[in-house]
Amino acid sequence: MNTIFTIMSIISVIGIILVWCSFWKNLKQLTIFQKTSLLITSVGILIPFIVGFINGFLGH
């Protein structure tokens, strides 16, 4: 089960990086709501990834 969570976490981080790369050229054209949702989604994905990464190193 931990393997599934690890793989999905990595896929989510790759996905958010791809989303940021796809919007980078047109970032000024996005509305404030779109920018805010992109930021909140990024934080929601990256925080569990970073916490899990740190816990993985501390646990071993």
PDB file of N, CA and C in Angstrom:
ATOM      1  N   MET A   1       0.825  -1.199   0.000  1.00  0.00           N
ATOM      2  CA  MET A   1       0.000   0.000   0.000  1.00  0.00           C
ATOM      3  C   MET A   1       0.866   1.258   0.000  1.00  0.00           C
ATOM      4  N   ASN A   2       1.959   1.229   0.752  1.00  0.00           N
ATOM      5  CA  ASN A   2       2.860   2.383   0.764  1.00  0.00           C
ATOM      6  C   ASN A   2       3.472   2.630  -0.602  1.00  0.00           C
ATOM      7  N   THR A   3       3.686   1.560  -1.356  1.00  0.00           N
ATOM      8  CA  THR A   3       4.242   1.712  -2.694  1.00  0.00           C
ATOM      9  C   THR A   3       3.276   2.464  -3.596  1.00  0.00           C
ATOM     10  N   ILE A   4       2.000   2.178  -3.476  1.00  0.00           N
ATOM     11  CA  ILE A   4       0.990   2.869  -4.280  1.00  0.00           C
ATOM     12  C   ILE A   4       0.971   4.361  -3.936  1.00  0.00           C
ATOM     13  N   PHE A   5       1.009   4.673  -2.630  1.00  0.00           N
ATOM     14  CA  PHE A   5       1.027   6.077  -2.221  1.00  0.00           C
ATOM     15  C   PHE A   5       2.272   6.789  -2.723  1.00  0.00           C
ATOM     16  N   THR A   6       3.400   6.119  -2.692  1.00  0.00           N
ATOM     17  CA  THR A   6       4.655   6.720  -3.158  1.00  0.00           C
ATOM     18  C   THR A   6       4.605   6.986  -4.654  1.00  0.00           C
ATOM     19  N   ILE A   7       4.152   6.024  -5.411  1.00  0.00           N
ATOM     20  CA  ILE A   7       4.084   6.178  -6.867  1.00  0.00           C
ATOM     21  C   ILE A   7       3.101   7.283  -7.251  1.00  0.00           C
ATOM     22  N   MET A   8       1.942   7.293  -6.616  1.00  0.00           N
ATOM     23  CA  MET A   8       0.943   8.322  -6.931  1.00  0.00           C
ATOM     24  C   MET A   8       1.414   9.713  -6.513  1.00  0.00           C
ATOM     25  N   SER A   9       2.161   9.791  -5.442  1.00  0.00           N
ATOM     26  CA  SER A   9       2.696  11.073  -5.008  1.00  0.00           C
ATOM     27  C   SER A   9       3.697  11.607  -6.036  1.00  0.00           C
ATOM     28  N   ILE A  10       4.551  10.746  -6.530  1.00  0.00           N
ATOM     29  CA  ILE A  10       5.530  11.158  -7.545  1.00  0.00           C
ATOM     30  C   ILE A  10       4.821  11.561  -8.837  1.00  0.00           C
ATOM     31  N   ILE A  11       3.810  10.808  -9.235  1.00  0.00           N
ATOM     32  CA  ILE A  11       3.049  11.144 -10.442  1.00  0.00           C
ATOM     33  C   ILE A  11       2.346  12.488 -10.269  1.00  0.00           C
ATOM     34  N   SER A  12       1.819  12.758  -9.090  1.00  0.00           N
ATOM     35  CA  SER A  12       1.155  14.044  -8.835  1.00  0.00           C
ATOM     36  C   SER A  12       2.134  15.205  -8.940  1.00  0.00           C
ATOM     37  N   VAL A  13       3.322  15.033  -8.408  1.00  0.00           N
ATOM     38  CA  VAL A  13       4.336  16.097  -8.493  1.00  0.00           C
ATOM     39  C   VAL A  13       4.745  16.322  -9.940  1.00  0.00           C
ATOM     40  N   ILE A  14       4.931  15.258 -10.687  1.00  0.00           N
ATOM     41  CA  ILE A  14       5.256  15.407 -12.113  1.00  0.00           C
ATOM     42  C   ILE A  14       4.116  16.120 -12.839  1.00  0.00           C
ATOM     43  N   GLY A  15       2.886  15.777 -12.504  1.00  0.00           N
ATOM     44  CA  GLY A  15       1.722  16.419 -13.122  1.00  0.00           C
ATOM     45  C   GLY A  15       1.650  17.901 -12.836  1.00  0.00           C
ATOM     46  N   ILE A  16       1.912  18.311 -11.594  1.00  0.00           N
ATOM     47  CA  ILE A  16       1.832  19.739 -11.272  1.00  0.00           C
ATOM     48  C   ILE A  16       2.977  20.502 -11.929  1.00  0.00           C
ATOM     49  N   ILE A  17       4.125  19.863 -12.079  1.00  0.00           N
ATOM     50  CA  ILE A  17       5.233  20.510 -12.801  1.00  0.00           C
ATOM     51  C   ILE A  17       4.853  20.710 -14.263  1.00  0.00           C
ATOM     52  N   LEU A  18       4.215  19.719 -14.866  1.00  0.00           N
ATOM     53  CA  LEU A  18       3.776  19.855 -16.257  1.00  0.00           C
ATOM     54  C   LEU A  18       2.715  20.937 -16.415  1.00  0.00           C
ATOM     55  N   VAL A  19       1.810  21.045 -15.447  1.00  0.00           N
ATOM     56  CA  VAL A  19       0.790  22.092 -15.501  1.00  0.00           C
ATOM     57  C   VAL A  19       1.442  23.471 -15.442  1.00  0.00           C
ATOM     58  N   TRP A  20       2.389  23.657 -14.517  1.00  0.00           N
ATOM     59  CA  TRP A  20       3.080  24.946 -14.412  1.00  0.00           C
ATOM     60  C   TRP A  20       3.851  25.264 -15.696  1.00  0.00           C
ATOM     61  N   CYS A  21       4.497  24.248 -16.281  1.00  0.00           N
ATOM     62  CA  CYS A  21       5.235  24.475 -17.535  1.00  0.00           C
ATOM     63  C   CYS A  21       4.301  24.853 -18.677  1.00  0.00           C
ATOM     64  N   SER A  22       3.118  24.252 -18.720  1.00  0.00           N
ATOM     65  CA  SER A  22       2.190  24.554 -19.806  1.00  0.00           C
ATOM     66  C   SER A  22       1.577  25.942 -19.674  1.00  0.00           C
ATOM     67  N   PHE A  23       1.429  26.452 -18.447  1.00  0.00           N
ATOM     68  CA  PHE A  23       0.842  27.773 -18.252  1.00  0.00           C
ATOM     69  C   PHE A  23       1.887  28.878 -18.155  1.00  0.00           C
ATOM     70  N   TRP A  24       3.169  28.557 -18.161  1.00  0.00           N
ATOM     71  CA  TRP A  24       4.206  29.543 -17.872  1.00  0.00           C
ATOM     72  C   TRP A  24       4.204  30.712 -18.867  1.00  0.00           C
ATOM     73  N   LYS A  25       4.042  30.443 -20.160  1.00  0.00           N
ATOM     74  CA  LYS A  25       4.077  31.509 -21.164  1.00  0.00           C
ATOM     75  C   LYS A  25       2.847  32.413 -21.077  1.00  0.00           C
ATOM     76  N   ASN A  26       1.720  31.859 -20.695  1.00  0.00           N
ATOM     77  CA  ASN A  26       0.463  32.609 -20.652  1.00  0.00           C
ATOM     78  C   ASN A  26       0.027  32.936 -19.230  1.00  0.00           C
ATOM     79  N   LEU A  27       0.970  32.969 -18.304  1.00  0.00           N
ATOM     80  CA  LEU A  27       0.624  33.182 -16.899  1.00  0.00           C
ATOM     81  C   LEU A  27      -0.008  34.555 -16.668  1.00  0.00           C
ATOM     82  N   LYS A  28       0.409  35.545 -17.432  1.00  0.00           N
ATOM     83  CA  LYS A  28      -0.145  36.893 -17.263  1.00  0.00           C
ATOM     84  C   LYS A  28      -1.582  36.992 -17.754  1.00  0.00           C
ATOM     85  N   GLN A  29      -2.003  36.085 -18.621  1.00  0.00           N
ATOM     86  CA  GLN A  29      -3.361  36.121 -19.149  1.00  0.00           C
ATOM     87  C   GLN A  29      -4.368  35.428 -18.237  1.00  0.00           C
ATOM     88  N   LEU A  30      -3.896  34.683 -17.256  1.00  0.00           N
ATOM     89  CA  LEU A  30      -4.814  33.994 -16.354  1.00  0.00           C
ATOM     90  C   LEU A  30      -5.455  34.984 -15.393  1.00  0.00           C
ATOM     91  N   THR A  31      -6.667  34.678 -14.985  1.00  0.00           N
ATOM     92  CA  THR A  31      -7.331  35.528 -14.003  1.00  0.00           C
ATOM     93  C   THR A  31      -6.759  35.241 -12.615  1.00  0.00           C
ATOM     94  N   ILE A  32      -7.097  36.090 -11.660  1.00  0.00           N
ATOM     95  CA  ILE A  32      -6.591  35.919 -10.295  1.00  0.00           C
ATOM     96  C   ILE A  32      -7.131  34.623  -9.682  1.00  0.00           C
ATOM     97  N   PHE A  33      -8.346  34.232 -10.049  1.00  0.00           N
ATOM     98  CA  PHE A  33      -8.915  32.985  -9.532  1.00  0.00           C
ATOM     99  C   PHE A  33      -8.177  31.768 -10.089  1.00  0.00           C
ATOM    100  N   GLN A  34      -7.806  31.824 -11.361  1.00  0.00           N
ATOM    101  CA  GLN A  34      -7.054  30.728 -11.960  1.00  0.00           C
ATOM    102  C   GLN A  34      -5.656  30.624 -11.348  1.00  0.00           C
ATOM    103  N   LYS A  35      -5.017  31.754 -11.122  1.00  0.00           N
ATOM    104  CA  LYS A  35      -3.687  31.745 -10.502  1.00  0.00           C
ATOM    105  C   LYS A  35      -3.764  31.222  -9.075  1.00  0.00           C
ATOM    106  N   THR A  36      -4.794  31.641  -8.346  1.00  0.00           N
ATOM    107  CA  THR A  36      -4.964  31.191  -6.971  1.00  0.00           C
ATOM    108  C   THR A  36      -5.224  29.687  -6.914  1.00  0.00           C
ATOM    109  N   SER A  37      -6.077  29.188  -7.790  1.00  0.00           N
ATOM    110  CA  SER A  37      -6.368  27.755  -7.795  1.00  0.00           C
ATOM    111  C   SER A  37      -5.139  26.944  -8.184  1.00  0.00           C
ATOM    112  N   LEU A  38      -4.346  27.450  -9.096  1.00  0.00           N
ATOM    113  CA  LEU A  38      -3.110  26.774  -9.478  1.00  0.00           C
ATOM    114  C   LEU A  38      -2.134  26.724  -8.306  1.00  0.00           C
ATOM    115  N   LEU A  39      -2.045  27.819  -7.568  1.00  0.00           N
ATOM    116  CA  LEU A  39      -1.162  27.878  -6.408  1.00  0.00           C
ATOM    117  C   LEU A  39      -1.644  26.949  -5.285  1.00  0.00           C
ATOM    118  N   ILE A  40      -2.936  26.965  -5.001  1.00  0.00           N
ATOM    119  CA  ILE A  40      -3.483  26.116  -3.937  1.00  0.00           C
ATOM    120  C   ILE A  40      -3.328  24.640  -4.294  1.00  0.00           C
ATOM    121  N   THR A  41      -3.562  24.298  -5.544  1.00  0.00           N
ATOM    122  CA  THR A  41      -3.381  22.919  -5.980  1.00  0.00           C
ATOM    123  C   THR A  41      -1.922  22.493  -5.850  1.00  0.00           C
ATOM    124  N   SER A  42      -1.019  23.380  -6.211  1.00  0.00           N
ATOM    125  CA  SER A  42       0.406  23.070  -6.096  1.00  0.00           C
ATOM    126  C   SER A  42       0.812  22.827  -4.646  1.00  0.00           C
ATOM    127  N   VAL A  43       0.352  23.674  -3.759  1.00  0.00           N
ATOM    128  CA  VAL A  43       0.674  23.510  -2.339  1.00  0.00           C
ATOM    129  C   VAL A  43       0.045  22.214  -1.810  1.00  0.00           C
ATOM    130  N   GLY A  44      -1.171  21.935  -2.214  1.00  0.00           N
ATOM    131  CA  GLY A  44      -1.851  20.727  -1.776  1.00  0.00           C
ATOM    132  C   GLY A  44      -1.176  19.452  -2.235  1.00  0.00           C
ATOM    133  N   ILE A  45      -0.463  19.511  -3.325  1.00  0.00           N
ATOM    134  CA  ILE A  45       0.260  18.341  -3.828  1.00  0.00           C
ATOM    135  C   ILE A  45       1.674  18.287  -3.256  1.00  0.00           C
ATOM    136  N   LEU A  46       2.341  19.415  -3.178  1.00  0.00           N
ATOM    137  CA  LEU A  46       3.743  19.417  -2.771  1.00  0.00           C
ATOM    138  C   LEU A  46       3.952  19.201  -1.275  1.00  0.00           C
ATOM    139  N   ILE A  47       3.076  19.716  -0.436  1.00  0.00           N
ATOM    140  CA  ILE A  47       3.255  19.568   1.015  1.00  0.00           C
ATOM    141  C   ILE A  47       3.241  18.088   1.433  1.00  0.00           C
ATOM    142  N   PRO A  48       2.243  17.292   1.034  1.00  0.00           N
ATOM    143  CA  PRO A  48       2.302  15.869   1.415  1.00  0.00           C
ATOM    144  C   PRO A  48       3.508  15.148   0.822  1.00  0.00           C
ATOM    145  N   PHE A  49       3.919  15.538  -0.385  1.00  0.00           N
ATOM    146  CA  PHE A  49       5.084  14.914  -1.011  1.00  0.00           C
ATOM    147  C   PHE A  49       6.338  15.204  -0.196  1.00  0.00           C
ATOM    148  N   ILE A  50       6.539  16.442   0.198  1.00  0.00           N
ATOM    149  CA  ILE A  50       7.727  16.823   0.959  1.00  0.00           C
ATOM    150  C   ILE A  50       7.703  16.190   2.349  1.00  0.00           C
ATOM    151  N   VAL A  51       6.554  16.211   3.012  1.00  0.00           N
ATOM    152  CA  VAL A  51       6.445  15.608   4.346  1.00  0.00           C
ATOM    153  C   VAL A  51       6.707  14.106   4.276  1.00  0.00           C
ATOM    154  N   GLY A  52       6.153  13.433   3.290  1.00  0.00           N
ATOM    155  CA  GLY A  52       6.393  12.000   3.127  1.00  0.00           C
ATOM    156  C   GLY A  52       7.839  11.695   2.809  1.00  0.00           C
ATOM    157  N   PHE A  53       8.458  12.553   2.017  1.00  0.00           N
ATOM    158  CA  PHE A  53       9.863  12.385   1.667  1.00  0.00           C
ATOM    159  C   PHE A  53      10.741  12.506   2.906  1.00  0.00           C
ATOM    160  N   ILE A  54      10.469  13.485   3.744  1.00  0.00           N
ATOM    161  CA  ILE A  54      11.239  13.682   4.981  1.00  0.00           C
ATOM    162  C   ILE A  54      10.982  12.533   5.952  1.00  0.00           C
ATOM    163  N   ASN A  55       9.729  12.134   6.112  1.00  0.00           N
ATOM    164  CA  ASN A  55       9.412  11.014   7.009  1.00  0.00           C
ATOM    165  C   ASN A  55      10.059   9.712   6.541  1.00  0.00           C
ATOM    166  N   GLY A  56      10.159   9.545   5.237  1.00  0.00           N
ATOM    167  CA  GLY A  56      10.808   8.350   4.703  1.00  0.00           C
ATOM    168  C   GLY A  56      12.278   8.291   5.066  1.00  0.00           C
ATOM    169  N   PHE A  57      12.948   9.433   5.014  1.00  0.00           N
ATOM    170  CA  PHE A  57      14.360   9.454   5.385  1.00  0.00           C
ATOM    171  C   PHE A  57      14.556   9.321   6.890  1.00  0.00           C
ATOM    172  N   LEU A  58      13.673   9.941   7.661  1.00  0.00           N
ATOM    173  CA  LEU A  58      13.807   9.863   9.119  1.00  0.00           C
ATOM    174  C   LEU A  58      13.440   8.473   9.643  1.00  0.00           C
ATOM    175  N   GLY A  59      12.563   7.782   8.932  1.00  0.00           N
ATOM    176  CA  GLY A  59      12.124   6.469   9.364  1.00  0.00           C
ATOM    177  C   GLY A  59      13.144   5.375   9.130  1.00  0.00           C
ATOM    178  N   HIS A  60      14.061   5.599   8.214  1.00  0.00           N
ATOM    179  CA  HIS A  60      15.052   4.561   7.920  1.00  0.00           C
ATOM    180  C   HIS A  60      16.326   4.922   8.569  1.00  0.00           C
TER     181      HIS A  60
END
